[in-house]
PDB file of N, CA and C in Angstrom:
ATOM      1  N   MET A   1      -6.653  17.545   4.421  1.00  0.00           N
ATOM      2  CA  MET A   1      -8.066  18.466   4.528  1.00  0.00           C
ATOM      3  C   MET A   1      -8.811  18.643   3.494  1.00  0.00           C
ATOM      4  N   LEU A   2      -9.878  18.522   2.769  1.00  0.00           N
ATOM      5  CA  LEU A   2     -10.526  18.747   1.409  1.00  0.00           C
ATOM      6  C   LEU A   2     -11.142  20.314   1.876  1.00  0.00           C
ATOM      7  N   GLN A   3     -10.714  20.724   0.356  1.00  0.00           N
ATOM      8  CA  GLN A   3     -10.997  21.926   0.303  1.00  0.00           C
ATOM      9  C   GLN A   3     -12.310  21.936  -0.797  1.00  0.00           C
ATOM     10  N   LEU A   4     -13.298  22.850  -0.455  1.00  0.00           N
ATOM     11  CA  LEU A   4     -14.652  22.632  -1.435  1.00  0.00           C
ATOM     12  C   LEU A   4     -14.009  23.481  -2.366  1.00  0.00           C
ATOM     13  N   ARG A   5     -14.569  23.138  -3.600  1.00  0.00           N
ATOM     14  CA  ARG A   5     -14.268  24.092  -4.929  1.00  0.00           C
ATOM     15  C   ARG A   5     -15.819  25.061  -5.073  1.00  0.00           C
ATOM     16  N   LYS A   6     -15.651  26.035  -5.969  1.00  0.00           N
ATOM     17  CA  LYS A   6     -16.605  26.986  -6.342  1.00  0.00           C
ATOM     18  C   LYS A   6     -17.105  26.128  -7.479  1.00  0.00           C
ATOM     19  N   GLU A   7     -18.722  26.362  -7.554  1.00  0.00           N
ATOM     20  CA  GLU A   7     -19.069  25.531  -8.539  1.00  0.00           C
ATOM     21  C   GLU A   7     -18.702  26.651  -9.994  1.00  0.00           C
ATOM     22  N   SER A   8     -18.205  27.465  -9.852  1.00  0.00           N
ATOM     23  CA  SER A   8     -17.865  27.592 -11.416  1.00  0.00           C
ATOM     24  C   SER A   8     -16.725  27.146 -12.055  1.00  0.00           C
ATOM     25  N   SER A   9     -15.706  26.460 -11.089  1.00  0.00           N
ATOM     26  CA  SER A   9     -14.700  25.976 -11.344  1.00  0.00           C
ATOM     27  C   SER A   9     -14.851  24.375 -11.608  1.00  0.00           C
ATOM     28  N   LEU A  10     -16.003  23.939 -11.543  1.00  0.00           N
ATOM     29  CA  LEU A  10     -16.234  22.272 -11.750  1.00  0.00           C
ATOM     30  C   LEU A  10     -16.568  22.720 -13.601  1.00  0.00           C
ATOM     31  N   GLN A  11     -15.959  21.219 -13.977  1.00  0.00           N
ATOM     32  CA  GLN A  11     -16.454  21.214 -15.553  1.00  0.00           C
ATOM     33  C   GLN A  11     -17.621  20.069 -15.589  1.00  0.00           C
ATOM     34  N   PRO A  12     -18.024  20.443 -16.665  1.00  0.00           N
ATOM     35  CA  PRO A  12     -19.283  19.537 -17.073  1.00  0.00           C
ATOM     36  C   PRO A  12     -18.677  17.948 -17.583  1.00  0.00           C
ATOM     37  N   ILE A  13     -19.539  17.262 -17.245  1.00  0.00           N
ATOM     38  CA  ILE A  13     -18.961  15.858 -17.615  1.00  0.00           C
ATOM     39  C   ILE A  13     -19.984  15.029 -18.577  1.00  0.00           C
ATOM     40  N   SER A  14     -19.678  14.542 -19.543  1.00  0.00           N
ATOM     41  CA  SER A  14     -20.796  13.840 -20.480  1.00  0.00           C
ATOM     42  C   SER A  14     -21.195  12.435 -20.045  1.00  0.00           C
ATOM     43  N   PRO A  15     -22.319  12.061 -20.539  1.00  0.00           N
ATOM     44  CA  PRO A  15     -22.815  10.716 -19.638  1.00  0.00           C
ATOM     45  C   PRO A  15     -21.489   9.668 -20.310  1.00  0.00           C
ATOM     46  N   GLU A  16     -21.126   9.601 -21.494  1.00  0.00           N
ATOM     47  CA  GLU A  16     -19.792   8.600 -21.773  1.00  0.00           C
ATOM     48  C   GLU A  16     -18.915   8.770 -20.711  1.00  0.00           C
ATOM     49  N   GLU A  17     -18.248   9.777 -20.509  1.00  0.00           N
ATOM     50  CA  GLU A  17     -17.317  10.332 -19.504  1.00  0.00           C
ATOM     51  C   GLU A  17     -17.526   9.856 -18.318  1.00  0.00           C
ATOM     52  N   LEU A  18     -18.370   9.773 -17.886  1.00  0.00           N
ATOM     53  CA  LEU A  18     -19.137   9.334 -16.240  1.00  0.00           C
ATOM     54  C   LEU A  18     -19.055   8.200 -16.434  1.00  0.00           C
ATOM     55  N   VAL A  19     -19.401   7.164 -17.608  1.00  0.00           N
ATOM     56  CA  VAL A  19     -19.533   5.747 -17.601  1.00  0.00           C
ATOM     57  C   VAL A  19     -18.235   4.927 -17.064  1.00  0.00           C
ATOM     58  N   GLU A  20     -17.312   5.877 -18.287  1.00  0.00           N
ATOM     59  CA  GLU A  20     -15.812   5.395 -18.328  1.00  0.00           C
ATOM     60  C   GLU A  20     -15.220   5.644 -17.123  1.00  0.00           C
ATOM     61  N   LEU A  21     -15.801   6.554 -16.305  1.00  0.00           N
ATOM     62  CA  LEU A  21     -15.063   6.589 -15.176  1.00  0.00           C
ATOM     63  C   LEU A  21     -15.388   5.580 -14.043  1.00  0.00           C
ATOM     64  N   GLY A  22     -16.597   5.404 -14.325  1.00  0.00           N
ATOM     65  CA  GLY A  22     -17.184   4.554 -13.421  1.00  0.00           C
ATOM     66  C   GLY A  22     -16.765   3.092 -13.351  1.00  0.00           C
ATOM     67  N   LEU A  23     -16.454   2.577 -14.999  1.00  0.00           N
ATOM     68  CA  LEU A  23     -15.817   1.592 -15.348  1.00  0.00           C
ATOM     69  C   LEU A  23     -14.306   1.331 -14.543  1.00  0.00           C
ATOM     70  N   SER A  24     -13.668   2.352 -14.883  1.00  0.00           N
ATOM     71  CA  SER A  24     -12.433   2.588 -14.224  1.00  0.00           C
ATOM     72  C   SER A  24     -12.413   2.272 -12.748  1.00  0.00           C
ATOM     73  N   LEU A  25     -13.570   3.284 -11.858  1.00  0.00           N
ATOM     74  CA  LEU A  25     -13.500   3.048 -10.587  1.00  0.00           C
ATOM     75  C   LEU A  25     -13.876   1.204 -10.054  1.00  0.00           C
ATOM     76  N   ASP A  26     -14.378   0.584 -10.936  1.00  0.00           N
ATOM     77  CA  ASP A  26     -14.597  -0.655 -10.917  1.00  0.00           C
ATOM     78  C   ASP A  26     -13.274  -1.571 -10.923  1.00  0.00           C
ATOM     79  N   LYS A  27     -12.318  -1.073 -11.878  1.00  0.00           N
ATOM     80  CA  LYS A  27     -11.121  -1.773 -12.568  1.00  0.00           C
ATOM     81  C   LYS A  27     -10.368  -1.445 -11.393  1.00  0.00           C
ATOM     82  N   TYR A  28     -10.087  -0.357 -10.804  1.00  0.00           N
ATOM     83  CA  TYR A  28      -9.064   0.312  -9.873  1.00  0.00           C
ATOM     84  C   TYR A  28      -9.603   0.440  -8.324  1.00  0.00           C
ATOM     85  N   LYS A  29     -10.573  -0.130  -7.963  1.00  0.00           N
ATOM     86  CA  LYS A  29     -11.122  -0.022  -6.658  1.00  0.00           C
ATOM     87  C   LYS A  29     -10.154  -0.677  -5.430  1.00  0.00           C
ATOM     88  N   ASN A  30      -9.371  -1.431  -6.082  1.00  0.00           N
ATOM     89  CA  ASN A  30      -8.188  -1.934  -4.947  1.00  0.00           C
ATOM     90  C   ASN A  30      -7.147  -1.013  -5.401  1.00  0.00           C
ATOM     91  N   THR A  31      -6.844  -0.598  -6.021  1.00  0.00           N
ATOM     92  CA  THR A  31      -5.635   0.418  -6.475  1.00  0.00           C
ATOM     93  C   THR A  31      -5.529   1.686  -5.784  1.00  0.00           C
ATOM     94  N   PRO A  32      -5.064   1.776  -4.579  1.00  0.00           N
ATOM     95  CA  PRO A  32      -5.657   3.112  -4.090  1.00  0.00           C
ATOM     96  C   PRO A  32      -4.989   4.383  -4.885  1.00  0.00           C
ATOM     97  N   VAL A  33      -3.898   4.424  -5.414  1.00  0.00           N
ATOM     98  CA  VAL A  33      -3.429   5.416  -6.541  1.00  0.00           C
ATOM     99  C   VAL A  33      -4.228   5.921  -7.517  1.00  0.00           C
ATOM    100  N   GLU A  34      -4.388   4.832  -8.309  1.00  0.00           N
ATOM    101  CA  GLU A  34      -5.500   4.931  -9.087  1.00  0.00           C
ATOM    102  C   GLU A  34      -6.873   5.672  -8.806  1.00  0.00           C
ATOM    103  N   ALA A  35      -7.335   4.806  -7.806  1.00  0.00           N
ATOM    104  CA  ALA A  35      -8.562   5.367  -7.406  1.00  0.00           C
ATOM    105  C   ALA A  35      -8.706   6.485  -6.977  1.00  0.00           C
ATOM    106  N   LEU A  36      -7.851   7.008  -6.082  1.00  0.00           N
ATOM    107  CA  LEU A  36      -7.724   8.355  -5.593  1.00  0.00           C
ATOM    108  C   LEU A  36      -7.738   9.141  -6.845  1.00  0.00           C
ATOM    109  N   LYS A  37      -6.957   9.233  -7.994  1.00  0.00           N
ATOM    110  CA  LYS A  37      -7.073   9.965  -9.105  1.00  0.00           C
ATOM    111  C   LYS A  37      -8.514   9.997  -9.582  1.00  0.00           C
ATOM    112  N   LEU A  38      -8.800   9.037  -9.880  1.00  0.00           N
ATOM    113  CA  LEU A  38     -10.317   8.707 -10.124  1.00  0.00           C
ATOM    114  C   LEU A  38     -11.358   9.473  -9.545  1.00  0.00           C
ATOM    115  N   LEU A  39     -11.181   9.687  -7.960  1.00  0.00           N
ATOM    116  CA  LEU A  39     -12.283  10.344  -7.287  1.00  0.00           C
ATOM    117  C   LEU A  39     -11.893  11.593  -7.550  1.00  0.00           C
ATOM    118  N   LYS A  40     -10.540  12.201  -7.515  1.00  0.00           N
ATOM    119  CA  LYS A  40     -10.325  13.920  -7.790  1.00  0.00           C
ATOM    120  C   LYS A  40     -11.193  14.135  -8.957  1.00  0.00           C
ATOM    121  N   VAL A  41     -10.985  13.548  -9.794  1.00  0.00           N
ATOM    122  CA  VAL A  41     -11.292  14.042 -11.410  1.00  0.00           C
ATOM    123  C   VAL A  41     -13.224  13.783 -11.249  1.00  0.00           C
ATOM    124  N   LEU A  42     -13.582  12.970 -10.758  1.00  0.00           N
ATOM    125  CA  LEU A  42     -14.857  13.034 -10.111  1.00  0.00           C
ATOM    126  C   LEU A  42     -15.482  14.141  -9.307  1.00  0.00           C
ATOM    127  N   ASP A  43     -14.488  14.752  -8.233  1.00  0.00           N
ATOM    128  CA  ASP A  43     -15.054  15.858  -7.870  1.00  0.00           C
ATOM    129  C   ASP A  43     -14.404  17.424  -8.325  1.00  0.00           C
ATOM    130  N   ASN A  44     -13.903  17.109  -9.682  1.00  0.00           N
ATOM    131  CA  ASN A  44     -13.859  18.419 -10.380  1.00  0.00           C
ATOM    132  C   ASN A  44     -14.842  18.394 -11.805  1.00  0.00           C
ATOM    133  N   LYS A  45     -15.914  17.595 -11.681  1.00  0.00           N
ATOM    134  CA  LYS A  45     -16.993  17.739 -12.538  1.00  0.00           C
ATOM    135  C   LYS A  45     -18.119  18.008 -12.025  1.00  0.00           C
ATOM    136  N   THR A  46     -19.117  18.748 -13.107  1.00  0.00           N
ATOM    137  CA  THR A  46     -20.438  18.904 -12.740  1.00  0.00           C
ATOM    138  C   THR A  46     -21.285  18.015 -13.188  1.00  0.00           C
ATOM    139  N   ILE A  47     -22.001  16.969 -12.312  1.00  0.00           N
ATOM    140  CA  ILE A  47     -22.718  15.959 -12.737  1.00  0.00           C
ATOM    141  C   ILE A  47     -24.346  16.021 -12.211  1.00  0.00           C
ATOM    142  N   THR A  48     -24.960  15.709 -13.070  1.00  0.00           N
ATOM    143  CA  THR A  48     -26.051  16.070 -12.891  1.00  0.00           C
ATOM    144  C   THR A  48     -27.325  15.025 -12.398  1.00  0.00           C
ATOM    145  N   ALA A  49     -28.157  15.295 -11.485  1.00  0.00           N
ATOM    146  CA  ALA A  49     -28.929  14.308 -10.696  1.00  0.00           C
ATOM    147  C   ALA A  49     -29.337  13.292 -11.626  1.00  0.00           C
ATOM    148  N   LEU A  50     -29.514  13.447 -12.724  1.00  0.00           N
ATOM    149  CA  LEU A  50     -30.279  12.308 -13.895  1.00  0.00           C
ATOM    150  C   LEU A  50     -28.985  11.465 -14.176  1.00  0.00           C
ATOM    151  N   LEU A  51     -27.756  11.862 -14.341  1.00  0.00           N
ATOM    152  CA  LEU A  51     -26.447  11.107 -14.695  1.00  0.00           C
ATOM    153  C   LEU A  51     -25.944  10.200 -13.204  1.00  0.00           C
ATOM    154  N   LEU A  52     -26.131  10.916 -12.256  1.00  0.00           N
ATOM    155  CA  LEU A  52     -25.656   9.973 -10.848  1.00  0.00           C
ATOM    156  C   LEU A  52     -26.703   9.041 -10.956  1.00  0.00           C
ATOM    157  N   ARG A  53     -27.978   8.979 -11.200  1.00  0.00           N
ATOM    158  CA  ARG A  53     -28.815   7.910 -10.704  1.00  0.00           C
ATOM    159  C   ARG A  53     -28.640   7.008 -12.075  1.00  0.00           C
ATOM    160  N   ASP A  54     -28.653   7.668 -13.355  1.00  0.00           N
ATOM    161  CA  ASP A  54     -28.671   6.787 -14.411  1.00  0.00           C
ATOM    162  C   ASP A  54     -27.505   5.636 -14.260  1.00  0.00           C
ATOM    163  N   THR A  55     -26.201   6.329 -13.893  1.00  0.00           N
ATOM    164  CA  THR A  55     -25.050   5.902 -13.744  1.00  0.00           C
ATOM    165  C   THR A  55     -24.295   4.802 -12.986  1.00  0.00           C
ATOM    166  N   LYS A  56     -25.361   4.863 -11.664  1.00  0.00           N
ATOM    167  CA  LYS A  56     -24.906   4.132 -10.548  1.00  0.00           C
ATOM    168  C   LYS A  56     -23.987   4.830 -10.002  1.00  0.00           C
ATOM    169  N   ILE A  57     -23.461   5.936 -10.331  1.00  0.00           N
ATOM    170  CA  ILE A  57     -21.831   5.883  -9.807  1.00  0.00           C
ATOM    171  C   ILE A  57     -21.828   5.867  -8.289  1.00  0.00           C
ATOM    172  N   GLY A  58     -22.755   6.057  -7.527  1.00  0.00           N
ATOM    173  CA  GLY A  58     -22.458   6.095  -5.965  1.00  0.00           C
ATOM    174  C   GLY A  58     -22.073   4.570  -5.889  1.00  0.00           C
ATOM    175  N   LYS A  59     -22.810   3.517  -6.328  1.00  0.00           N
ATOM    176  CA  LYS A  59     -22.712   2.156  -5.883  1.00  0.00           C
ATOM    177  C   LYS A  59     -21.236   1.941  -6.117  1.00  0.00           C
ATOM    178  N   ARG A  60     -20.779   2.455  -7.305  1.00  0.00           N
ATOM    179  CA  ARG A  60     -19.402   2.040  -7.480  1.00  0.00           C
ATOM    180  C   ARG A  60     -18.192   2.874  -6.542  1.00  0.00           C
ATOM    181  N   LEU A  61     -18.874   4.058  -6.346  1.00  0.00           N
ATOM    182  CA  LEU A  61     -18.083   5.000  -5.332  1.00  0.00           C
ATOM    183  C   LEU A  61     -17.928   3.839  -3.909  1.00  0.00           C
ATOM    184  N   THR A  62     -18.904   3.367  -3.643  1.00  0.00           N
ATOM    185  CA  THR A  62     -19.058   2.730  -2.427  1.00  0.00           C
ATOM    186  C   THR A  62     -17.671   1.390  -2.514  1.00  0.00           C
ATOM    187  N   ALA A  63     -17.765   0.898  -3.713  1.00  0.00           N
ATOM    188  CA  ALA A  63     -16.998  -0.178  -3.846  1.00  0.00           C
ATOM    189  C   ALA A  63     -15.574  -0.205  -3.839  1.00  0.00           C
ATOM    190  N   VAL A  64     -14.877   1.202  -3.637  1.00  0.00           N
ATOM    191  CA  VAL A  64     -13.816   1.508  -3.917  1.00  0.00           C
ATOM    192  C   VAL A  64     -13.368   1.397  -2.039  1.00  0.00           C
ATOM    193  N   ASN A  65     -12.015   0.360  -2.251  1.00  0.00           N
ATOM    194  CA  ASN A  65     -11.418   0.153  -1.219  1.00  0.00           C
ATOM    195  C   ASN A  65     -10.871   0.863  -0.454  1.00  0.00           C
ATOM    196  N   GLU A  66     -11.132   1.612   0.813  1.00  0.00           N
ATOM    197  CA  GLU A  66     -10.415   2.199   1.612  1.00  0.00           C
ATOM    198  C   GLU A  66      -9.810   1.846   3.057  1.00  0.00           C
ATOM    199  N   ASN A  67      -9.842   0.634   3.318  1.00  0.00           N
ATOM    200  CA  ASN A  67      -9.224  -0.011   4.347  1.00  0.00           C
ATOM    201  C   ASN A  67      -8.415  -1.381   3.843  1.00  0.00           C
ATOM    202  N   PRO A  68      -7.648  -1.498   3.089  1.00  0.00           N
ATOM    203  CA  PRO A  68      -7.028  -3.060   2.296  1.00  0.00           C
ATOM    204  C   PRO A  68      -6.473  -3.366   3.312  1.00  0.00           C
ATOM    205  N   GLU A  69      -6.506  -4.717   3.632  1.00  0.00           N
ATOM    206  CA  GLU A  69      -5.906  -5.179   4.786  1.00  0.00           C
ATOM    207  C   GLU A  69      -4.311  -5.275   4.781  1.00  0.00           C
ATOM    208  N   ASN A  70      -3.822  -5.001   3.652  1.00  0.00           N
ATOM    209  CA  ASN A  70      -1.876  -4.974   3.872  1.00  0.00           C
ATOM    210  C   ASN A  70      -1.661  -3.563   3.449  1.00  0.00           C
ATOM    211  N   SER A  71      -2.124  -2.732   4.106  1.00  0.00           N
ATOM    212  CA  SER A  71      -2.055  -1.276   3.540  1.00  0.00           C
ATOM    213  C   SER A  71      -0.606  -0.823   4.246  1.00  0.00           C
ATOM    214  N   SER A  72       0.145  -0.466   2.854  1.00  0.00           N
ATOM    215  CA  SER A  72       1.634   0.351   2.936  1.00  0.00           C
ATOM    216  C   SER A  72       1.679   1.843   3.189  1.00  0.00           C
ATOM    217  N   ALA A  73       0.368   2.170   2.913  1.00  0.00           N
ATOM    218  CA  ALA A  73       0.090   3.801   2.749  1.00  0.00           C
ATOM    219  C   ALA A  73      -1.210   4.059   3.549  1.00  0.00           C
ATOM    220  N   PRO A  74      -1.089   3.881   4.596  1.00  0.00           N
ATOM    221  CA  PRO A  74      -2.303   4.213   5.768  1.00  0.00           C
ATOM    222  C   PRO A  74      -2.754   5.670   5.072  1.00  0.00           C
ATOM    223  N   GLU A  75      -1.641   6.963   4.956  1.00  0.00           N
ATOM    224  CA  GLU A  75      -2.313   8.260   4.671  1.00  0.00           C
ATOM    225  C   GLU A  75      -3.178   8.202   3.247  1.00  0.00           C
ATOM    226  N   LEU A  76      -2.295   7.538   2.121  1.00  0.00           N
ATOM    227  CA  LEU A  76      -3.491   7.464   1.105  1.00  0.00           C
ATOM    228  C   LEU A  76      -4.660   6.914   1.133  1.00  0.00           C
ATOM    229  N   HIS A  77      -4.813   6.121   2.071  1.00  0.00           N
ATOM    230  CA  HIS A  77      -6.241   5.373   2.412  1.00  0.00           C
ATOM    231  C   HIS A  77      -6.858   6.071   3.241  1.00  0.00           C
ATOM    232  N   SER A  78      -6.508   7.011   4.094  1.00  0.00           N
ATOM    233  CA  SER A  78      -7.203   7.787   4.789  1.00  0.00           C
ATOM    234  C   SER A  78      -7.639   8.996   3.688  1.00  0.00           C
ATOM    235  N   GLN A  79      -7.142   9.583   2.973  1.00  0.00           N
ATOM    236  CA  GLN A  79      -7.466  10.526   1.667  1.00  0.00           C
ATOM    237  C   GLN A  79      -8.473   9.963   0.657  1.00  0.00           C
ATOM    238  N   ILE A  80      -8.523   8.783   0.266  1.00  0.00           N
ATOM    239  CA  ILE A  80      -9.508   7.988  -0.549  1.00  0.00           C
ATOM    240  C   ILE A  80     -10.803   7.994   0.635  1.00  0.00           C
ATOM    241  N   ALA A  81     -10.628   7.594   1.676  1.00  0.00           N
ATOM    242  CA  ALA A  81     -11.946   7.641   2.788  1.00  0.00           C
ATOM    243  C   ALA A  81     -12.404   9.342   2.793  1.00  0.00           C
ATOM    244  N   GLY A  82     -11.611  10.273   3.233  1.00  0.00           N
ATOM    245  CA  GLY A  82     -12.123  11.400   2.864  1.00  0.00           C
ATOM    246  C   GLY A  82     -12.908  11.732   1.837  1.00  0.00           C
ATOM    247  N   MET A  83     -12.120  11.673   0.391  1.00  0.00           N
ATOM    248  CA  MET A  83     -12.887  12.009  -0.666  1.00  0.00           C
ATOM    249  C   MET A  83     -14.018  11.149  -1.006  1.00  0.00           C
ATOM    250  N   LYS A  84     -14.096  10.320  -0.360  1.00  0.00           N
ATOM    251  CA  LYS A  84     -15.444   9.325  -0.559  1.00  0.00           C
ATOM    252  C   LYS A  84     -16.422   9.937   0.073  1.00  0.00           C
ATOM    253  N   GLU A  85     -15.869  10.389   1.647  1.00  0.00           N
ATOM    254  CA  GLU A  85     -17.088  11.224   2.463  1.00  0.00           C
ATOM    255  C   GLU A  85     -17.604  12.276   1.732  1.00  0.00           C
ATOM    256  N   HIS A  86     -16.629  13.322   0.828  1.00  0.00           N
ATOM    257  CA  HIS A  86     -16.496  14.235   0.578  1.00  0.00           C
ATOM    258  C   HIS A  86     -17.910  14.411  -0.931  1.00  0.00           C
ATOM    259  N   LEU A  87     -17.697  13.348  -1.776  1.00  0.00           N
ATOM    260  CA  LEU A  87     -18.498  12.965  -2.934  1.00  0.00           C
ATOM    261  C   LEU A  87     -19.600  12.633  -2.478  1.00  0.00           C
ATOM    262  N   LYS A  88     -19.973  11.897  -1.377  1.00  0.00           N
ATOM    263  CA  LYS A  88     -21.267  11.379  -0.976  1.00  0.00           C
ATOM    264  C   LYS A  88     -21.850  12.720  -0.416  1.00  0.00           C
ATOM    265  N   LYS A  89     -21.397  13.712   0.597  1.00  0.00           N
ATOM    266  CA  LYS A  89     -21.839  14.486   0.884  1.00  0.00           C
ATOM    267  C   LYS A  89     -22.483  15.748  -0.238  1.00  0.00           C
ATOM    268  N   LYS A  90     -21.451  15.536  -1.148  1.00  0.00           N
ATOM    269  CA  LYS A  90     -21.749  16.719  -2.467  1.00  0.00           C
ATOM    270  C   LYS A  90     -22.638  15.959  -3.338  1.00  0.00           C
ATOM    271  N   TRP A  91     -23.381  14.987  -3.292  1.00  0.00           N
ATOM    272  CA  TRP A  91     -24.305  14.081  -3.998  1.00  0.00           C
ATOM    273  C   TRP A  91     -25.841  13.534  -3.239  1.00  0.00           C
ATOM    274  N   SER A  92     -25.328  13.999  -1.782  1.00  0.00           N
ATOM    275  CA  SER A  92     -26.370  13.823  -0.920  1.00  0.00           C
ATOM    276  C   SER A  92     -27.744  14.134  -1.490  1.00  0.00           C
ATOM    277  N   PHE A  93     -28.085  15.101  -2.238  1.00  0.00           N
ATOM    278  CA  PHE A  93     -29.137  15.779  -2.516  1.00  0.00           C
ATOM    279  C   PHE A  93     -30.004  15.116  -3.378  1.00  0.00           C
ATOM    280  N   ILE A  94     -29.537  14.169  -4.271  1.00  0.00           N
ATOM    281  CA  ILE A  94     -30.275  13.194  -5.093  1.00  0.00           C
ATOM    282  C   ILE A  94     -30.734  12.297  -4.201  1.00  0.00           C
ATOM    283  N   TYR A  95     -30.483  11.704  -3.430  1.00  0.00           N
ATOM    284  CA  TYR A  95     -30.812  10.666  -2.824  1.00  0.00           C
ATOM    285  C   TYR A  95     -31.848  10.930  -1.345  1.00  0.00           C
ATOM    286  N   GLN A  96     -32.020  12.507  -1.378  1.00  0.00           N
ATOM    287  CA  GLN A  96     -32.869  13.071  -0.046  1.00  0.00           C
ATOM    288  C   GLN A  96     -34.399  12.605  -0.637  1.00  0.00           C
TER     289      GLN A  96
END
């Protein structure tokens, strides 16, 4: 179960760092352990609406594979799906 963090514990992110995280998500979207690490980093960052839109991080988030064909770690993929859903809810104010 995901725990929501207080806003004060979130760290700011630079545009460059967010772009780098997006590129890493593209690279590791089919590697569950690495993808989950990246999603957790994103969850610990304060990302402005402008950065979310400019970097299109949501599209990269969608591309992360949560249901691979030959899954040897279903719990890991469940965590990835949960984290993706959490981030989508966290960022939903941007797209309303």
